[in-house]
Protein backbone atom coordinates (compact mmCIF):
# COMPACT_ATOMS: atom_id res chain seq x y z
CA MET A 1 40.47 104.73 28.54
CA ASP A 2 41.55 101.22 27.51
CA GLY A 3 45.21 102.27 27.42
CA ASP A 4 45.03 103.81 30.93
CA PHE A 5 43.42 100.67 32.38
CA ARG A 6 46.00 98.39 30.80
CA THR A 7 48.92 100.56 31.98
CA HIS A 8 47.52 100.67 35.51
CA PHE A 9 46.95 96.92 35.50
CA VAL A 10 50.48 96.15 34.29
CA ARG A 11 52.14 98.50 36.79
CA GLU A 12 50.19 97.34 39.84
CA PRO A 13 51.91 93.94 40.34
CA SER A 14 55.41 95.44 40.14
CA ALA A 15 54.47 98.09 42.70
CA LEU A 16 53.38 95.36 45.12
CA ARG A 17 56.87 93.80 45.06
CA HIS A 18 57.98 96.70 47.23
CA HIS A 19 55.82 95.80 50.23
CA PRO A 20 57.91 93.38 52.29
CA ALA A 21 56.62 91.98 55.57
CA LEU A 22 58.70 92.06 58.74
CA VAL A 23 58.75 88.51 60.14
CA LEU A 24 58.72 88.15 63.91
CA ASN A 25 59.32 85.01 65.91
CA ALA A 26 56.55 83.82 68.24
CA ASP A 27 58.15 85.93 70.99
CA TYR A 28 57.60 89.07 68.85
CA ARG A 29 61.30 89.58 68.13
CA PRO A 30 62.63 89.67 64.55
CA LEU A 31 64.17 86.38 63.43
CA SER A 32 67.25 88.43 62.57
CA TYR A 33 68.24 92.08 62.55
CA TYR A 34 70.99 91.96 59.96
CA PRO A 35 69.89 91.07 57.48
CA LEU A 36 66.46 92.09 58.69
CA SER A 37 63.99 89.19 58.55
CA LEU A 38 61.73 90.23 55.69
CA TRP A 39 59.51 88.23 53.37
CA PRO A 40 58.12 89.34 50.02
CA TRP A 41 54.45 90.24 50.37
CA GLN A 42 53.49 87.07 48.43
CA GLU A 43 55.15 84.83 51.06
CA ALA A 44 53.46 86.72 53.89
CA VAL A 45 50.01 86.35 52.26
CA LYS A 46 50.64 82.65 51.61
CA ALA A 47 51.75 82.05 55.22
CA ALA A 48 48.70 83.90 56.53
CA PHE A 49 46.40 81.89 54.26
CA LEU A 50 48.03 78.62 55.49
CA ASP A 51 47.54 79.82 59.10
CA ARG A 52 51.28 79.77 59.87
CA VAL A 53 51.42 83.44 60.92
CA ASP A 54 49.25 86.09 62.49
CA ILE A 55 49.07 89.45 60.75
CA ILE A 56 49.97 92.24 63.19
CA ALA A 57 50.06 95.26 60.85
CA GLU A 58 49.07 95.94 57.26
CA TYR A 59 49.81 98.28 54.39
CA GLU A 60 47.00 100.31 52.87
CA GLU A 61 47.34 98.43 49.56
CA GLU A 62 45.24 95.34 48.92
CA VAL A 63 45.53 92.18 46.87
CA ARG A 64 42.46 90.58 45.41
CA SER A 65 41.36 87.20 44.22
CA PRO A 66 37.98 86.31 42.73
CA SER A 67 36.70 85.36 46.18
CA MET A 68 38.48 87.69 48.63
CA THR A 69 40.30 90.96 49.26
CA LEU A 70 43.22 91.17 51.70
CA LYS A 71 45.35 94.10 52.83
CA ILE A 72 49.04 93.38 52.31
CA PRO A 73 50.68 92.39 55.62
CA SER A 74 53.52 94.63 56.80
CA VAL A 75 54.26 92.73 60.05
CA VAL A 76 53.60 89.03 60.67
CA VAL A 77 54.37 86.88 63.70
CA LEU A 78 55.07 83.16 63.44
CA LYS A 79 52.67 80.90 65.31
CA ASP A 80 55.45 78.42 66.11
CA TYR A 81 58.60 79.57 67.88
CA VAL A 82 61.83 79.12 65.89
CA LYS A 83 64.70 78.43 68.27
CA PRO A 84 67.66 80.72 67.47
CA ARG A 85 70.99 79.10 66.66
CA LYS A 86 73.53 79.11 69.47
CA ARG A 87 76.56 78.67 67.23
CA VAL A 88 77.49 81.40 64.78
CA ALA A 89 78.71 80.24 61.37
CA PHE A 90 82.18 81.45 60.44
CA THR A 91 81.36 83.35 57.25
CA ARG A 92 82.76 86.47 55.63
CA PHE A 93 79.50 88.32 56.29
CA ASN A 94 79.41 87.36 60.00
CA LEU A 95 83.09 88.30 60.34
CA PHE A 96 82.39 91.76 58.88
CA LEU A 97 79.33 92.10 61.12
CA ARG A 98 81.38 91.16 64.21
CA ASP A 99 83.90 93.85 63.25
CA GLU A 100 81.05 96.32 62.54
CA PHE A 101 82.08 96.68 58.89
CA ARG A 102 85.28 98.52 59.87
CA CYS A 103 88.92 97.82 59.22
CA GLN A 104 90.36 96.47 62.45
CA TYR A 105 93.64 98.29 61.82
CA CYS A 106 92.65 101.84 60.82
CA GLY A 107 88.88 101.89 61.50
CA SER A 108 87.86 102.87 57.98
CA LYS A 109 84.65 101.71 56.34
CA GLY A 110 84.27 100.75 52.72
CA GLU A 111 85.73 98.02 50.60
CA LEU A 112 86.76 95.36 53.08
CA THR A 113 88.65 92.13 52.78
CA PHE A 114 89.87 89.90 55.56
CA ASP A 115 93.32 89.45 57.02
CA HIS A 116 95.00 86.71 59.05
CA VAL A 117 96.50 88.37 62.14
CA VAL A 118 99.11 85.61 62.35
CA PRO A 119 99.84 85.09 58.65
CA ARG A 120 99.15 81.68 57.18
CA ALA A 121 102.77 81.65 56.00
CA ALA A 122 103.75 81.76 59.68
CA GLY A 123 101.34 78.98 60.68
CA GLY A 124 98.26 81.12 61.32
CA ILE A 125 94.91 79.39 60.91
CA THR A 126 91.61 80.59 59.52
CA SER A 127 89.48 81.03 62.64
CA TRP A 128 87.44 83.63 64.51
CA GLU A 129 90.45 84.31 66.74
CA ASN A 130 92.90 84.92 63.88
CA VAL A 131 90.93 86.64 61.10
CA VAL A 132 89.79 90.27 61.06
CA ALA A 133 88.16 92.67 58.62
CA ALA A 134 90.73 94.87 56.89
CA CYS A 135 90.69 97.53 54.21
CA ALA A 136 92.83 96.86 51.14
CA PRO A 137 95.54 99.42 52.00
CA CYS A 138 96.03 98.00 55.52
CA ASN A 139 95.94 94.43 54.24
CA LEU A 140 98.62 95.24 51.66
CA ARG A 141 100.72 97.15 54.21
CA LYS A 142 100.66 94.22 56.63
CA GLY A 143 101.11 91.54 54.00
CA SER A 144 102.57 88.37 55.50
CA LYS A 145 104.27 90.20 58.37
CA SER A 146 103.39 90.00 62.04
CA LEU A 147 101.69 92.97 63.70
CA ARG A 148 104.99 93.95 65.33
CA GLN A 149 106.94 93.71 62.05
CA ALA A 150 104.33 95.84 60.29
CA SER A 151 104.12 98.32 63.22
CA MET A 152 100.35 97.87 63.31
CA SER A 153 97.87 97.17 66.07
CA LEU A 154 94.31 95.88 66.26
CA ARG A 155 91.37 97.98 67.41
CA LYS A 156 90.08 94.97 69.37
CA THR A 157 91.13 91.39 69.94
CA PRO A 158 89.37 89.02 67.53
CA ARG A 159 87.17 86.37 69.11
CA GLN A 160 84.20 84.18 68.29
CA PRO A 161 80.95 86.11 68.85
CA GLY A 162 77.83 84.62 70.41
CA ALA A 163 74.60 84.53 68.41
CA SER A 164 72.89 87.14 70.60
CA GLU A 165 75.95 89.39 70.46
CA LEU A 166 75.94 89.26 66.66
CA MET A 167 72.19 89.94 66.58
CA ASN A 168 72.66 92.99 68.82
CA THR A 169 75.48 94.23 66.61
CA GLY A 170 73.16 93.84 63.61
CA ARG A 171 70.68 96.22 65.22
CA LYS A 172 73.19 99.04 64.67
CA PHE A 173 72.82 98.67 60.90
CA PRO A 174 69.18 99.23 59.93
CA PRO A 175 68.29 98.79 56.27
CA ASN A 176 67.76 101.82 54.05
CA HIS A 177 64.00 101.61 54.46
CA LEU A 178 62.10 100.94 57.70
CA HIS A 179 58.33 101.02 57.43
CA ASP A 180 56.62 102.87 60.30
CA SER A 181 54.69 99.72 61.29
CA TRP A 182 57.99 97.90 61.96
CA LEU A 183 59.55 100.32 64.43
CA ASP A 184 57.77 99.11 67.57
CA PHE A 185 59.01 95.58 66.92
CA LEU A 186 62.59 96.32 65.94
CA TYR A 187 63.60 98.23 69.04
CA TRP A 188 61.06 96.96 71.57
CA ASP A 189 63.67 96.43 74.28
CA ALA A 190 65.34 99.83 73.85
CA GLU A 191 65.17 102.20 76.79
CA LEU A 192 62.17 104.52 76.61
CA GLU A 193 62.68 108.27 76.66
CA ALA A 194 61.40 110.10 79.73
C-alpha cells in the first residue's frame, strides 16, 4: 500500500506537465498560431490566481493546495488585449514559415536551409526579397550561380510577409496534439459547413 501511494504521488506531477493551456488574446484569438500560443499548466494557474486571465475551458484533472482545489485550465483568455506586431522579424523560422516549409525550387519538404536568389558573391543582400527556403540538393545545385545560369526557377517571388499573412500561414501547420477544448478557438473564423 505504501509503495503504491508513493509511486502514484511521484508520477502525478510529471503527468500534469502535459496539460498546456491555449492562450487567447482578449479578442478570443490565439496570440499566435505557429508556434501555437500555449502556456504550461503552472503558468495558466498562476495567471488565473493573479486575475490576469479568465478560464474558458478546463481539463478533468485537478491541482490542489492546502486551501483550494482547481481544475487545470485548458483555455485561458487574457483580460488585457495584447496588440499584435505589425512588422515581422526577419528570422530563419519566419522565412521557412513564409515559404510553408518547402524548397522554393523543387517544392520538397524536409531538411531546409536558405539560399540567396541573387548570390552574395554577385552583390545579393540578405533580405526578405532575396532569400528563400531551399533543400540542400537545390542549394548545392544553384551554388553561387544566378537562376538563369543554374537553369532553375522559383515557385513564387520572395517578398516580405505581413504579420497577419504569416499568422494565417501558421494556421496550416497545427501541432501534433490539439485538445478538443481548443478547436472552437483555433478556427473560429473558418467557414461553417452547411
